[in-house]
Amino acid sequence: MNNKIIYAFIISGFIFYPLLAHALLMSEDYQLELVSNKLNQCYHDKMRSDYYECYNDELQVQEKELNSIYQEIGGLAASEKLQKLKQVQDEWIKFREMNCEFMAGNDRTQKASCLLNMTIHRKAELYNSPYFPRK
């Protein structure tokens, strides 16, 4: 199965706008939306100084979807692989937090953007892993 990742990135200063366009992870029989339409709408409704709320709200959505993908993989993995997956995911969460604190400094909007971007990337990684159940 051929998967294509289409990323539409717009970079302005340090803040990465995850999608003013639409990012999708596509395969023949499954389409994973990388960000919700709600985020795009938030960009239109808020001023740049309020983007923290947009990123933070979208992060909640993305973490829920990431956990769903994680659970799907966990349900199929052998116990040894499942243990490794749990360990890797725990370490990834720690890395994500530390990396975004470092990259953003004291700017909460940049930190929220960083957390969101890393979560979207991780979601795509897990989806593309050989352990994700294909329909």
Foldseek 3Di string as FASTA:
>chain_A
DDKDWDFDWDDDPLFIQRDCPWTWIDDPPDIDGLWDVQLNVVPVVDDPVPCLVSLQVRLVVLVVLLVVQLVQLLVQDDPVVNVVSVVVVVVLVVVQQVVLCVSPPPDSSSSSSSSSVSSSVSSVVSCPDPSGDDD
